[in-house]
Amino acid sequence: MDMSKREFMTRTGLMGVAGLSGIAPPAALGQRGAHGTSVFNVRDYGARGDGKTPDSEAIQKALDAAGTVSGTTYFPAGRYLCHDLKVAAHTTVLAEPQWGYRGDAGAMLILDSEEAECVLNITGAYGVHLRGLFLQGLQDAKKAIHGIFLNNVEKYSPQEDAIVIDDCKVEKFSGHGVNLLRIWLFIIRHSILQRNKGCGVQITGWDGFVTDNQFSGNKSHGFGCEGVGSTVMFTANRVEWNEGCGLYLNRGDTWNVTGNSFDRNWGAGLCAIKMNTTAITGNVFRRCGKDSNLLAEGEHSCQVRLEECNGLTFVANSCAAGRDDGAKGKYTPQVGFILRKLSYSIISSNTLFRGYMDKMLVDLGDHGKDYIFTNNVGCPMT
């Protein structure tokens, strides 16, 4: 039977909600355990979402039900007080993304315990997809509580974790917004990680894609890798106003850092230590080194710090000095680069037009074989 264009658009539009987002048609959402649906609405399991009632027990029932059929746990818009929710493997935790940079909206999972480890525990949740959620913590809690936590405390998983965090907002946690401890394969995209006491995201592990996110105003690094971290594509992110470094990499290899904006971080926009085989290309570093006194740079605030790296390229990036919005605060950074002990590495063809206040380079020396610093151009901000 032929369909008109309007009929086609109407029918595919209704199907698209189920097909693309994993949501059953609206009628099925209200039917707890209805035949033929794998979507489990937390309201059907007793969650109130009123910002007053503890909802952890009801939400866990919906998560467990989804786990039995590799299904989806669905959150309508509301304020759900909860903590330490255990997510099952091969499931989706889903809400319609309605959050913004400011304000409360959408399905909010609000931490309601200062004794918890996290809001969402995804340890062992192989293939989990978290979509459209807004997680809000207690930044002043006495212990470090994370928003999303993969806690492989002793060893890596026996198979790829393969997690996806998509279109989520995670803010105000006393720990890290997302803490992936011994992660093996992950995707984080289209999300905001802001105002957490730790890092926006902290990882130990490898095989990641981090794309189109905003890491803003975290008390530590925007994105941190304190232990080993390898084989990560870090692309098209905005990393700003974090009180550590924008991107902190320590003891890893095979990163590709491309097309990001690092703006007004207190430490270096990017700090790489003991990294191998890493490409850093086409990024913008602006106004970094806002306050480096308590960080590794000390009195020398900088845009970029590279130490003890091998096989690193830092090519075709741009840097600019500046101060706070509204023409307030002091101009930073003092220098463009702080470099030490680099081998088989090239820093070339970068521009630092008004890119520093004092000098382009502080070279701490001790470089090894085949280290090249050439064809970088710039001038100080006056």
Protein backbone atom coordinates (compact mmCIF):
# COMPACT_ATOMS: atom_id res chain seq x y z
CA MET A 1 0.00 0.00 0.00
CA ASP A 2 1.37 3.41 -0.96
CA MET A 3 1.80 5.96 1.82
CA SER A 4 1.82 9.72 1.55
CA LYS A 5 4.92 11.59 2.77
CA ARG A 6 2.99 12.76 5.85
CA GLU A 7 1.91 9.20 6.68
CA PHE A 8 5.47 7.96 6.29
CA MET A 9 6.90 10.67 8.54
CA THR A 10 4.22 10.08 11.16
CA ARG A 11 4.73 6.33 11.28
CA THR A 12 8.54 6.41 11.27
CA GLY A 13 8.51 9.19 13.86
CA LEU A 14 6.56 7.03 16.27
CA MET A 15 8.75 4.04 15.54
CA GLY A 16 11.90 6.11 15.97
CA VAL A 17 11.33 6.54 19.69
CA ALA A 18 11.45 2.80 20.14
CA GLY A 19 13.99 2.00 17.46
CA LEU A 20 16.57 4.68 18.12
CA SER A 21 16.30 5.24 21.86
CA GLY A 22 15.27 1.82 23.02
CA ILE A 23 11.93 3.05 24.41
CA ALA A 24 8.81 1.03 23.89
CA PRO A 25 5.70 2.75 22.53
CA PRO A 26 3.98 4.94 25.15
CA ALA A 27 1.28 2.37 25.91
CA ALA A 28 3.87 -0.20 26.93
CA LEU A 29 5.70 2.16 29.27
CA GLY A 30 2.80 2.11 31.67
CA GLN A 31 2.46 -1.68 31.72
CA ARG A 32 4.73 -3.26 34.28
CA GLY A 33 6.29 -6.32 32.73
CA ALA A 34 3.88 -6.11 29.79
CA HIS A 35 4.30 -8.89 27.26
CA GLY A 36 6.59 -7.88 24.43
CA THR A 37 8.29 -4.96 26.15
CA SER A 38 11.69 -4.82 27.79
CA VAL A 39 11.22 -1.30 29.21
CA PHE A 40 10.70 -0.94 32.96
CA ASN A 41 9.45 2.41 34.22
CA VAL A 42 10.74 3.18 37.71
CA ARG A 43 7.39 4.76 38.61
CA ASP A 44 5.72 1.39 38.09
CA TYR A 45 7.97 -0.04 40.78
CA GLY A 46 7.08 2.60 43.34
CA ALA A 47 9.60 5.39 42.70
CA ARG A 48 8.02 8.77 43.43
CA GLY A 49 10.53 11.20 41.95
CA ASP A 50 9.16 13.97 44.18
CA GLY A 51 12.46 15.07 45.72
CA LYS A 52 11.23 14.01 49.18
CA THR A 53 10.77 10.24 49.16
CA PRO A 54 13.80 7.88 49.22
CA ASP A 55 13.56 5.99 45.94
CA SER A 56 16.58 3.67 45.99
CA GLU A 57 14.64 0.48 46.78
CA ALA A 58 12.02 1.06 44.09
CA ILE A 59 14.59 2.01 41.47
CA GLN A 60 16.67 -1.06 42.25
CA LYS A 61 13.65 -3.27 41.59
CA ALA A 62 13.28 -1.72 38.14
CA LEU A 63 17.02 -2.09 37.45
CA ASP A 64 16.89 -5.75 38.49
CA ALA A 65 13.85 -6.39 36.31
CA ALA A 66 15.63 -4.89 33.30
CA GLY A 67 18.63 -7.06 34.08
CA THR A 68 16.63 -10.28 33.72
CA VAL A 69 15.83 -9.55 30.05
CA SER A 70 18.71 -7.25 29.02
CA GLY A 71 16.18 -4.44 28.98
CA THR A 72 15.86 -0.73 29.70
CA THR A 73 15.17 1.08 32.96
CA TYR A 74 13.27 4.27 32.17
CA PHE A 75 13.12 7.43 34.29
CA PRO A 76 10.38 10.00 33.60
CA ALA A 77 11.31 13.55 34.57
CA GLY A 78 11.50 13.98 38.34
CA ARG A 79 13.79 14.26 41.35
CA TYR A 80 14.76 10.78 42.53
CA LEU A 81 16.53 10.56 45.90
CA CYS A 82 18.84 7.55 45.71
CA HIS A 83 22.29 6.04 46.21
CA ASP A 84 24.39 2.93 45.49
CA LEU A 85 22.18 1.68 42.66
CA LYS A 86 23.59 -1.48 41.07
CA VAL A 87 23.22 -1.59 37.31
CA ALA A 88 22.99 -4.92 35.47
CA ALA A 89 25.00 -5.99 32.43
CA HIS A 90 23.66 -5.43 28.91
CA THR A 91 21.00 -2.95 29.98
CA THR A 92 20.19 0.68 29.29
CA VAL A 93 19.39 3.29 31.95
CA LEU A 94 17.41 5.92 30.09
CA ALA A 95 15.79 9.32 30.44
CA GLU A 96 14.94 12.11 28.03
CA PRO A 97 17.85 14.60 28.22
CA GLN A 98 16.30 17.87 29.38
CA TRP A 99 19.14 19.27 31.51
CA GLY A 100 21.07 22.42 30.67
CA TYR A 101 24.31 24.06 31.77
CA ARG A 102 22.37 25.73 34.60
CA GLY A 103 19.17 24.84 36.41
CA ASP A 104 17.42 21.61 37.29
CA ALA A 105 15.44 19.71 34.69
CA GLY A 106 14.72 16.21 33.45
CA ALA A 107 15.27 12.99 35.34
CA MET A 108 17.53 13.89 38.27
CA LEU A 109 19.18 11.15 40.34
CA ILE A 110 20.03 13.03 43.54
CA LEU A 111 22.42 11.57 46.11
CA ASP A 112 20.68 11.15 49.46
CA SER A 113 23.38 9.50 51.61
CA GLU A 114 26.75 10.71 52.83
CA GLU A 115 27.80 7.11 53.49
CA ALA A 116 27.34 5.88 49.92
CA GLU A 117 30.06 5.06 47.39
CA CYS A 118 28.19 6.46 44.41
CA VAL A 119 24.82 6.94 42.79
CA LEU A 120 25.27 4.43 39.92
CA ASN A 121 27.53 1.43 40.41
CA ILE A 122 28.36 -0.05 37.00
CA THR A 123 30.93 -2.61 38.18
CA GLY A 124 30.39 -5.74 36.11
CA ALA A 125 27.71 -4.02 34.04
CA TYR A 126 29.18 -5.08 30.70
CA GLY A 127 27.67 -3.24 27.75
CA VAL A 128 25.66 -0.81 29.88
CA HIS A 129 24.36 2.38 28.24
CA LEU A 130 23.57 5.40 30.42
CA ARG A 131 21.59 7.99 28.48
CA GLY A 132 19.94 11.30 29.25
CA LEU A 133 20.45 11.22 33.03
CA PHE A 134 21.20 14.09 35.39
CA LEU A 135 23.18 12.99 38.47
CA GLN A 136 23.63 15.45 41.32
CA GLY A 137 25.77 14.86 44.38
CA LEU A 138 26.72 16.44 47.71
CA GLN A 139 29.96 18.30 47.07
CA ASP A 140 30.62 18.90 50.77
CA ALA A 141 30.14 15.29 51.89
CA LYS A 142 32.91 14.16 54.27
CA LYS A 143 33.94 11.17 52.12
CA ALA A 144 34.60 10.93 48.40
CA ILE A 145 31.36 9.82 46.72
CA HIS A 146 31.30 9.44 42.96
CA GLY A 147 28.48 9.94 40.50
CA ILE A 148 29.14 6.92 38.25
CA PHE A 149 31.58 4.33 39.60
CA LEU A 150 33.22 1.31 37.99
CA ASN A 151 35.11 -0.21 40.90
CA ASN A 152 37.48 -2.91 39.72
CA VAL A 153 39.54 -2.42 42.84
CA GLU A 154 41.83 -5.45 42.49
CA LYS A 155 42.06 -6.36 38.81
CA TYR A 156 40.63 -5.68 35.37
CA SER A 157 37.41 -7.30 34.23
CA PRO A 158 37.68 -10.69 32.47
CA GLN A 159 36.11 -9.11 29.37
CA GLU A 160 35.63 -5.65 27.90
CA ASP A 161 33.49 -3.45 30.11
CA ALA A 162 32.20 -1.68 26.98
CA ILE A 163 30.26 1.07 28.74
CA VAL A 164 28.61 4.08 27.11
CA ILE A 165 27.79 7.35 28.90
CA ASP A 166 25.82 9.53 26.52
CA ASP A 167 23.99 12.84 26.91
CA CYS A 168 24.34 12.91 30.71
CA LYS A 169 25.06 15.63 33.26
CA VAL A 170 27.04 14.79 36.41
CA GLU A 171 27.70 17.52 38.95
CA LYS A 172 28.53 18.41 42.57
CA PHE A 173 29.95 15.10 43.76
CA SER A 174 32.50 15.04 46.59
CA GLY A 175 34.52 12.50 44.61
CA HIS A 176 34.80 12.28 40.83
CA GLY A 177 31.84 12.83 38.57
CA VAL A 178 32.75 9.59 36.79
CA ASN A 179 35.36 7.23 38.26
CA LEU A 180 36.38 4.33 36.02
CA LEU A 181 38.83 2.20 37.96
CA ARG A 182 40.50 -0.39 35.71
CA ILE A 183 38.22 0.26 32.77
CA TRP A 184 38.53 -1.67 29.53
CA LEU A 185 36.70 -0.04 26.62
CA PHE A 186 34.48 3.00 27.22
CA ILE A 187 32.68 5.79 25.39
CA ILE A 188 31.80 9.16 26.95
CA ARG A 189 30.10 11.68 24.70
CA HIS A 190 27.71 14.65 24.57
CA SER A 191 27.86 15.11 28.36
CA ILE A 192 28.63 17.76 30.97
CA LEU A 193 30.84 16.90 33.96
CA GLN A 194 30.99 19.94 36.21
CA ARG A 195 31.59 21.27 39.72
CA ASN A 196 32.74 17.97 41.18
CA LYS A 197 35.23 18.03 44.06
CA GLY A 198 37.42 15.51 42.28
CA CYS A 199 37.85 15.27 38.52
CA GLY A 200 35.04 15.50 36.02
CA VAL A 201 36.22 12.07 34.85
CA GLN A 202 39.01 9.98 36.38
CA ILE A 203 40.19 6.77 34.71
CA THR A 204 42.66 3.98 35.14
CA GLY A 205 42.53 1.78 32.05
CA TRP A 206 42.43 1.90 28.31
CA ASP A 207 40.52 1.85 25.04
CA GLY A 208 38.30 4.92 25.19
CA PHE A 209 36.50 7.46 23.06
CA VAL A 210 35.84 10.82 24.75
CA THR A 211 34.00 13.14 22.38
CA ASP A 212 31.95 16.35 22.43
CA ASN A 213 31.86 16.81 26.21
CA GLN A 214 32.26 19.74 28.58
CA PHE A 215 34.48 19.43 31.65
CA SER A 216 33.85 22.58 33.65
CA GLY A 217 34.67 23.95 37.09
CA ASN A 218 35.81 20.72 38.75
CA LYS A 219 37.98 21.08 41.86
CA SER A 220 40.66 18.78 40.44
CA HIS A 221 41.38 18.01 36.78
CA GLY A 222 38.77 18.23 34.08
CA PHE A 223 39.80 14.77 32.88
CA GLY A 224 42.40 12.92 34.94
CA CYS A 225 44.46 9.80 34.45
CA GLU A 226 46.57 9.38 37.58
CA GLY A 227 47.57 5.77 36.88
CA VAL A 228 47.99 3.97 33.60
CA GLY A 229 45.82 5.25 30.76
CA SER A 230 46.22 4.15 27.17
CA THR A 231 44.64 4.10 23.73
CA VAL A 232 42.17 6.95 24.14
CA MET A 233 40.75 9.29 21.50
CA PHE A 234 40.09 12.66 23.21
CA THR A 235 38.30 14.77 20.61
CA ALA A 236 36.32 18.02 20.37
CA ASN A 237 35.84 18.58 24.09
CA ARG A 238 35.69 21.88 25.96
CA VAL A 239 37.80 21.74 29.12
CA GLU A 240 37.48 24.90 31.21
CA TRP A 241 37.89 26.49 34.64
CA ASN A 242 39.06 23.30 36.36
CA GLU A 243 41.19 23.86 39.47
CA GLY A 244 43.75 21.24 38.47
CA CYS A 245 44.88 20.74 34.90
CA GLY A 246 42.47 20.56 32.02
CA LEU A 247 43.70 17.15 30.85
CA TYR A 248 46.16 15.33 33.12
CA LEU A 249 47.89 12.24 31.73
CA ASN A 250 50.33 10.15 33.74
CA ARG A 251 52.01 6.87 32.75
CA GLY A 252 50.27 5.77 29.59
CA ASP A 253 50.52 5.70 25.83
CA THR A 254 48.74 5.92 22.51
CA TRP A 255 46.53 8.97 23.11
CA ASN A 256 45.17 11.10 20.29
CA VAL A 257 44.22 14.56 21.59
CA THR A 258 42.63 16.51 18.75
CA GLY A 259 40.42 19.54 18.26
CA ASN A 260 39.78 20.44 21.91
CA SER A 261 39.46 23.80 23.66
CA PHE A 262 41.37 24.15 26.95
CA ASP A 263 40.30 27.40 28.59
CA ARG A 264 41.14 29.08 31.92
CA ASN A 265 42.21 25.99 33.83
CA TRP A 266 44.14 26.77 37.02
CA GLY A 267 47.03 24.54 36.02
CA ALA A 268 48.26 23.65 32.55
CA GLY A 269 45.62 23.11 29.93
CA LEU A 270 47.37 19.81 29.24
CA CYS A 271 49.94 18.05 31.42
CA ALA A 272 51.53 14.82 30.13
CA ILE A 273 54.06 12.92 32.25
CA LYS A 274 55.72 9.62 31.30
CA MET A 275 53.55 9.26 28.21
CA ASN A 276 54.58 7.36 25.07
CA THR A 277 53.38 7.44 21.47
CA THR A 278 50.96 10.33 21.89
CA ALA A 279 49.70 12.80 19.26
CA ILE A 280 48.43 16.25 20.32
CA THR A 281 47.20 18.24 17.33
CA GLY A 282 44.86 21.07 16.43
CA ASN A 283 43.89 22.19 19.94
CA VAL A 284 43.40 25.67 21.37
CA PHE A 285 44.89 26.63 24.75
CA ARG A 286 43.49 29.86 26.15
CA ARG A 287 44.11 31.65 29.46
CA CYS A 288 45.39 28.54 31.27
CA GLY A 289 47.52 28.74 34.42
CA LYS A 290 44.94 30.84 36.25
CA ASP A 291 46.40 29.89 39.66
CA SER A 292 49.27 27.40 39.59
CA ASN A 293 50.75 28.07 43.02
CA LEU A 294 49.53 24.80 44.50
CA LEU A 295 50.25 22.73 41.39
CA ALA A 296 53.35 21.23 39.80
CA GLU A 297 54.12 24.35 37.80
CA GLY A 298 54.55 26.46 40.93
CA GLU A 299 55.36 30.04 40.09
CA HIS A 300 55.59 29.26 36.37
CA SER A 301 52.02 29.07 35.14
CA CYS A 302 51.85 27.56 31.66
CA GLN A 303 49.61 26.48 28.82
CA VAL A 304 51.25 23.03 28.41
CA ARG A 305 53.57 20.88 30.55
CA LEU A 306 55.33 17.85 29.03
CA GLU A 307 57.79 15.70 31.00
CA GLU A 308 59.51 12.33 30.54
CA CYS A 309 57.65 11.55 27.32
CA ASN A 310 58.78 9.44 24.36
CA GLY A 311 57.36 9.36 20.86
CA LEU A 312 55.19 12.44 21.41
CA THR A 313 54.12 14.94 18.78
CA PHE A 314 52.74 18.36 19.72
CA VAL A 315 51.97 20.00 16.38
CA ALA A 316 49.71 22.72 14.99
CA ASN A 317 48.16 23.94 18.22
CA SER A 318 47.34 27.55 19.13
CA CYS A 319 47.76 29.36 22.45
CA ALA A 320 46.51 32.69 23.79
CA ALA A 321 46.99 34.39 27.17
CA GLY A 322 44.13 36.17 28.90
CA ARG A 323 42.29 36.79 32.14
CA ASP A 324 38.88 36.12 33.68
CA ASP A 325 35.63 36.90 31.92
CA GLY A 326 34.56 40.51 32.24
CA ALA A 327 38.18 41.71 32.03
CA LYS A 328 38.85 40.67 35.64
CA GLY A 329 41.73 38.90 37.35
CA LYS A 330 45.36 38.62 36.33
CA TYR A 331 46.64 37.73 32.90
CA THR A 332 48.07 34.21 32.58
CA PRO A 333 50.04 32.13 31.87
CA GLN A 334 53.59 33.26 32.46
CA VAL A 335 55.01 30.82 29.90
CA GLY A 336 53.79 28.80 26.98
CA PHE A 337 55.60 25.48 27.54
CA ILE A 338 57.34 23.77 30.43
CA LEU A 339 59.40 20.86 29.05
CA ARG A 340 61.69 18.23 30.56
CA LYS A 341 63.27 14.95 29.59
CA LEU A 342 61.70 14.36 26.19
CA SER A 343 62.97 11.79 23.68
CA TYR A 344 61.99 10.93 20.12
CA SER A 345 59.50 13.80 20.35
CA ILE A 346 58.64 16.80 18.18
CA ILE A 347 57.13 20.12 19.25
CA SER A 348 56.66 22.08 16.06
CA SER A 349 54.52 24.51 14.07
CA ASN A 350 52.55 25.82 17.03
CA THR A 351 51.42 29.45 17.29
CA LEU A 352 51.48 31.49 20.48
CA PHE A 353 50.30 34.91 19.32
CA ARG A 354 49.94 36.79 22.61
CA GLY A 355 50.22 33.31 24.04
CA TYR A 356 52.12 34.01 27.28
CA MET A 357 53.10 36.88 29.57
CA ASP A 358 56.85 36.31 30.00
CA LYS A 359 58.40 33.77 27.64
CA MET A 360 57.45 31.01 25.29
CA LEU A 361 59.49 28.23 26.87
CA VAL A 362 60.88 27.08 30.19
CA ASP A 363 63.18 24.20 29.27
CA LEU A 364 64.15 22.14 32.32
CA GLY A 365 66.55 20.07 30.19
CA ASP A 366 67.71 16.48 30.52
CA HIS A 367 66.33 15.62 27.09
CA GLY A 368 67.23 12.35 25.39
CA LYS A 369 67.82 11.36 21.80
CA ASP A 370 65.92 12.91 18.88
CA TYR A 371 64.10 15.70 20.69
CA ILE A 372 63.11 18.57 18.37
CA PHE A 373 61.63 21.97 19.29
CA THR A 374 61.33 24.03 16.11
CA ASN A 375 59.25 26.43 14.04
CA ASN A 376 57.06 27.59 16.94
CA VAL A 377 56.11 31.23 16.66
CA GLY A 378 54.63 33.68 19.10
CA CYS A 379 54.84 36.85 21.15
CA PRO A 380 53.89 37.87 24.68
CA MET A 381 50.66 39.51 25.69
CA THR A 382 51.47 43.15 26.46
